[in-house]
Amino acid sequence: MKKKIRYTDAPREIQKSMERAVDITEEFHAKFPQFSPSALAAKKPTVKVTLTLGEDAVAFFKAQGKKMKVPYQRMIRNLVDRYAAAHK
């Protein structure tokens, strides 16, 4: 069984830093509501389309998706969304 590491086991300067730490979660979410857990979990409305893409492009996104452990379709969707938002 792994030994649990406690903050009291940390070097003294780290213990002092932890004692002075302040929780700013509420202030952060008030200032940046778009990063709140509920905003990040919210589903955006989507429209299903059939799209034919080049083999090289799909292979690229599949490799990147596998490397980053995310669906490659999400990466393509986010790319198109950002492009559209930038050119509105």
N, C-alpha and C. Protein backbone atom coordinates (compact mmCIF):
# COMPACT_ATOMS: atom_id res chain seq x y z
N MET A 1 0.84 -1.17 0.00
CA MET A 1 0.00 0.00 0.00
C MET A 1 0.90 1.25 0.00
N LYS A 2 0.50 2.26 -0.80
CA LYS A 2 1.28 3.49 -0.87
C LYS A 2 1.17 4.27 0.43
N LYS A 3 2.27 4.88 0.79
CA LYS A 3 2.27 5.74 1.97
C LYS A 3 1.63 7.07 1.57
N LYS A 4 0.67 7.53 2.35
CA LYS A 4 0.03 8.82 2.09
C LYS A 4 0.98 9.94 2.50
N ILE A 5 1.10 10.91 1.63
CA ILE A 5 1.94 12.06 1.92
C ILE A 5 1.06 13.16 2.49
N ARG A 6 1.46 13.67 3.62
CA ARG A 6 0.71 14.76 4.26
C ARG A 6 1.49 16.05 4.10
N TYR A 7 0.77 17.18 4.18
CA TYR A 7 1.46 18.46 4.07
C TYR A 7 2.46 18.64 5.20
N THR A 8 2.19 17.99 6.33
CA THR A 8 3.13 18.12 7.44
C THR A 8 4.44 17.41 7.15
N ASP A 9 4.45 16.53 6.13
CA ASP A 9 5.68 15.86 5.74
C ASP A 9 6.52 16.72 4.79
N ALA A 10 5.93 17.81 4.30
CA ALA A 10 6.62 18.68 3.34
C ALA A 10 7.68 19.50 4.05
N PRO A 11 8.66 19.99 3.28
CA PRO A 11 9.66 20.89 3.89
C PRO A 11 8.97 22.10 4.53
N ARG A 12 9.59 22.68 5.51
CA ARG A 12 8.99 23.75 6.31
C ARG A 12 8.51 24.93 5.46
N GLU A 13 9.29 25.34 4.44
CA GLU A 13 8.89 26.49 3.63
C GLU A 13 7.60 26.19 2.84
N ILE A 14 7.40 24.94 2.46
CA ILE A 14 6.16 24.57 1.76
C ILE A 14 5.01 24.53 2.76
N GLN A 15 5.25 24.03 3.95
CA GLN A 15 4.21 24.04 4.99
C GLN A 15 3.75 25.46 5.25
N LYS A 16 4.69 26.41 5.35
CA LYS A 16 4.33 27.81 5.60
C LYS A 16 3.49 28.36 4.45
N SER A 17 3.86 28.03 3.23
CA SER A 17 3.10 28.49 2.06
C SER A 17 1.68 27.94 2.09
N MET A 18 1.52 26.67 2.44
CA MET A 18 0.20 26.05 2.50
C MET A 18 -0.65 26.69 3.58
N GLU A 19 -0.05 27.07 4.68
CA GLU A 19 -0.79 27.71 5.76
C GLU A 19 -1.31 29.08 5.34
N ARG A 20 -0.57 29.78 4.46
CA ARG A 20 -0.98 31.11 4.00
C ARG A 20 -1.92 31.06 2.80
N ALA A 21 -2.12 29.88 2.21
CA ALA A 21 -2.94 29.76 1.00
C ALA A 21 -4.38 30.20 1.28
N VAL A 22 -4.97 30.82 0.28
CA VAL A 22 -6.35 31.32 0.39
C VAL A 22 -7.15 30.71 -0.75
N ASP A 23 -8.34 30.24 -0.46
CA ASP A 23 -9.22 29.68 -1.48
C ASP A 23 -9.90 30.82 -2.24
N ILE A 24 -9.65 30.92 -3.54
CA ILE A 24 -10.24 32.00 -4.34
C ILE A 24 -11.24 31.46 -5.36
N THR A 25 -11.73 30.25 -5.13
CA THR A 25 -12.64 29.62 -6.08
C THR A 25 -13.84 30.49 -6.40
N GLU A 26 -14.52 30.99 -5.38
CA GLU A 26 -15.73 31.79 -5.60
C GLU A 26 -15.41 33.07 -6.38
N GLU A 27 -14.34 33.75 -5.99
CA GLU A 27 -13.97 34.99 -6.68
C GLU A 27 -13.61 34.72 -8.14
N PHE A 28 -12.91 33.63 -8.37
CA PHE A 28 -12.52 33.26 -9.74
C PHE A 28 -13.75 33.02 -10.60
N HIS A 29 -14.70 32.24 -10.09
CA HIS A 29 -15.90 31.93 -10.87
C HIS A 29 -16.78 33.16 -11.07
N ALA A 30 -16.76 34.10 -10.11
CA ALA A 30 -17.52 35.34 -10.28
C ALA A 30 -16.91 36.20 -11.39
N LYS A 31 -15.57 36.23 -11.45
CA LYS A 31 -14.89 37.05 -12.45
C LYS A 31 -14.88 36.38 -13.83
N PHE A 32 -14.80 35.06 -13.86
CA PHE A 32 -14.73 34.31 -15.12
C PHE A 32 -15.81 33.23 -15.15
N PRO A 33 -17.09 33.62 -15.29
CA PRO A 33 -18.16 32.62 -15.25
C PRO A 33 -18.07 31.59 -16.38
N GLN A 34 -17.41 31.94 -17.48
CA GLN A 34 -17.30 31.00 -18.59
C GLN A 34 -16.42 29.79 -18.24
N PHE A 35 -15.66 29.87 -17.15
CA PHE A 35 -14.82 28.76 -16.73
C PHE A 35 -15.38 27.98 -15.55
N SER A 36 -16.61 28.29 -15.14
CA SER A 36 -17.20 27.56 -14.03
C SER A 36 -17.47 26.12 -14.47
N PRO A 37 -17.46 25.18 -13.53
CA PRO A 37 -17.71 23.79 -13.91
C PRO A 37 -19.03 23.60 -14.66
N SER A 38 -20.07 24.33 -14.26
CA SER A 38 -21.35 24.17 -14.95
C SER A 38 -21.27 24.69 -16.38
N ALA A 39 -20.53 25.78 -16.59
CA ALA A 39 -20.38 26.31 -17.96
C ALA A 39 -19.57 25.35 -18.82
N LEU A 40 -18.56 24.75 -18.24
CA LEU A 40 -17.72 23.82 -19.01
C LEU A 40 -18.44 22.51 -19.30
N ALA A 41 -19.37 22.14 -18.45
CA ALA A 41 -20.10 20.89 -18.64
C ALA A 41 -21.32 21.06 -19.53
N ALA A 42 -21.74 22.31 -19.73
CA ALA A 42 -22.96 22.57 -20.51
C ALA A 42 -22.78 22.12 -21.96
N LYS A 43 -23.84 21.56 -22.50
CA LYS A 43 -23.81 21.15 -23.90
C LYS A 43 -24.27 22.31 -24.76
N LYS A 44 -23.53 22.55 -25.82
CA LYS A 44 -23.93 23.56 -26.79
C LYS A 44 -24.83 22.89 -27.81
N PRO A 45 -25.77 23.63 -28.35
CA PRO A 45 -26.60 23.05 -29.41
C PRO A 45 -25.72 22.70 -30.62
N THR A 46 -25.96 21.57 -31.19
CA THR A 46 -25.18 21.14 -32.35
C THR A 46 -26.12 20.73 -33.47
N VAL A 47 -25.57 20.67 -34.65
CA VAL A 47 -26.30 20.23 -35.84
C VAL A 47 -25.45 19.14 -36.49
N LYS A 48 -26.07 18.02 -36.76
CA LYS A 48 -25.35 16.92 -37.38
C LYS A 48 -25.25 17.18 -38.89
N VAL A 49 -24.04 17.08 -39.43
CA VAL A 49 -23.82 17.27 -40.87
C VAL A 49 -22.98 16.11 -41.39
N THR A 50 -23.08 15.89 -42.66
CA THR A 50 -22.21 14.93 -43.32
C THR A 50 -21.18 15.74 -44.08
N LEU A 51 -19.91 15.45 -43.84
CA LEU A 51 -18.84 16.24 -44.40
C LEU A 51 -17.76 15.31 -44.91
N THR A 52 -17.31 15.52 -46.11
CA THR A 52 -16.23 14.72 -46.66
C THR A 52 -14.94 15.51 -46.53
N LEU A 53 -13.96 14.93 -45.85
CA LEU A 53 -12.68 15.59 -45.60
C LEU A 53 -11.56 14.79 -46.27
N GLY A 54 -10.44 15.44 -46.46
CA GLY A 54 -9.28 14.76 -47.03
C GLY A 54 -8.71 13.73 -46.06
N GLU A 55 -8.17 12.65 -46.61
CA GLU A 55 -7.61 11.57 -45.79
C GLU A 55 -6.50 12.07 -44.88
N ASP A 56 -5.63 12.95 -45.40
CA ASP A 56 -4.52 13.45 -44.61
C ASP A 56 -5.00 14.26 -43.41
N ALA A 57 -6.03 15.08 -43.64
CA ALA A 57 -6.56 15.90 -42.54
C ALA A 57 -7.17 15.02 -41.46
N VAL A 58 -7.95 14.03 -41.87
CA VAL A 58 -8.58 13.14 -40.89
C VAL A 58 -7.51 12.34 -40.13
N ALA A 59 -6.50 11.86 -40.85
CA ALA A 59 -5.41 11.11 -40.20
C ALA A 59 -4.71 11.99 -39.17
N PHE A 60 -4.50 13.25 -39.52
CA PHE A 60 -3.86 14.19 -38.59
C PHE A 60 -4.68 14.33 -37.32
N PHE A 61 -5.98 14.62 -37.48
CA PHE A 61 -6.82 14.82 -36.30
C PHE A 61 -6.98 13.54 -35.49
N LYS A 62 -7.05 12.41 -36.14
CA LYS A 62 -7.14 11.14 -35.40
C LYS A 62 -5.88 10.92 -34.57
N ALA A 63 -4.71 11.19 -35.16
CA ALA A 63 -3.45 11.02 -34.42
C ALA A 63 -3.37 11.98 -33.24
N GLN A 64 -3.75 13.23 -33.48
CA GLN A 64 -3.72 14.22 -32.40
C GLN A 64 -4.72 13.86 -31.31
N GLY A 65 -5.92 13.44 -31.71
CA GLY A 65 -6.93 13.05 -30.74
C GLY A 65 -6.48 11.88 -29.90
N LYS A 66 -5.84 10.91 -30.54
CA LYS A 66 -5.35 9.74 -29.80
C LYS A 66 -4.25 10.16 -28.81
N LYS A 67 -3.36 11.03 -29.28
CA LYS A 67 -2.27 11.50 -28.43
C LYS A 67 -2.80 12.27 -27.22
N MET A 68 -3.84 13.07 -27.44
CA MET A 68 -4.40 13.90 -26.36
C MET A 68 -5.55 13.23 -25.63
N LYS A 69 -5.92 12.03 -26.08
CA LYS A 69 -7.00 11.25 -25.46
C LYS A 69 -8.34 12.00 -25.48
N VAL A 70 -8.66 12.59 -26.65
CA VAL A 70 -9.94 13.24 -26.88
C VAL A 70 -10.47 12.79 -28.24
N PRO A 71 -11.78 12.81 -28.43
CA PRO A 71 -12.32 12.43 -29.74
C PRO A 71 -11.85 13.42 -30.82
N TYR A 72 -11.39 12.87 -31.94
CA TYR A 72 -10.89 13.74 -33.00
C TYR A 72 -11.99 14.62 -33.57
N GLN A 73 -13.24 14.13 -33.54
CA GLN A 73 -14.36 14.93 -34.04
C GLN A 73 -14.52 16.23 -33.23
N ARG A 74 -14.27 16.15 -31.94
CA ARG A 74 -14.36 17.34 -31.08
C ARG A 74 -13.34 18.37 -31.51
N MET A 75 -12.14 17.90 -31.84
CA MET A 75 -11.10 18.83 -32.27
C MET A 75 -11.51 19.55 -33.56
N ILE A 76 -12.07 18.80 -34.49
CA ILE A 76 -12.51 19.39 -35.76
C ILE A 76 -13.65 20.37 -35.49
N ARG A 77 -14.62 19.98 -34.66
CA ARG A 77 -15.75 20.86 -34.33
C ARG A 77 -15.26 22.16 -33.69
N ASN A 78 -14.33 22.05 -32.74
CA ASN A 78 -13.81 23.24 -32.08
C ASN A 78 -13.05 24.14 -33.06
N LEU A 79 -12.34 23.53 -33.99
CA LEU A 79 -11.63 24.31 -35.00
C LEU A 79 -12.62 25.09 -35.86
N VAL A 80 -13.67 24.44 -36.32
CA VAL A 80 -14.68 25.11 -37.14
C VAL A 80 -15.39 26.20 -36.32
N ASP A 81 -15.73 25.91 -35.08
CA ASP A 81 -16.39 26.90 -34.22
C ASP A 81 -15.52 28.14 -34.03
N ARG A 82 -14.23 27.93 -33.77
CA ARG A 82 -13.33 29.07 -33.57
C ARG A 82 -13.14 29.87 -34.86
N TYR A 83 -13.06 29.19 -35.97
CA TYR A 83 -12.93 29.88 -37.25
C TYR A 83 -14.16 30.75 -37.50
N ALA A 84 -15.34 30.18 -37.28
CA ALA A 84 -16.57 30.93 -37.49
C ALA A 84 -16.66 32.13 -36.55
N ALA A 85 -16.29 31.94 -35.29
CA ALA A 85 -16.35 33.03 -34.32
C ALA A 85 -15.38 34.15 -34.69
N ALA A 86 -14.22 33.79 -35.20
CA ALA A 86 -13.20 34.79 -35.55
C ALA A 86 -13.59 35.58 -36.79
N HIS A 87 -14.44 35.02 -37.64
CA HIS A 87 -14.78 35.67 -38.90
C HIS A 87 -16.22 36.21 -38.93
N LYS A 88 -16.83 36.34 -37.77
CA LYS A 88 -18.20 36.89 -37.72
C LYS A 88 -18.16 38.37 -38.04
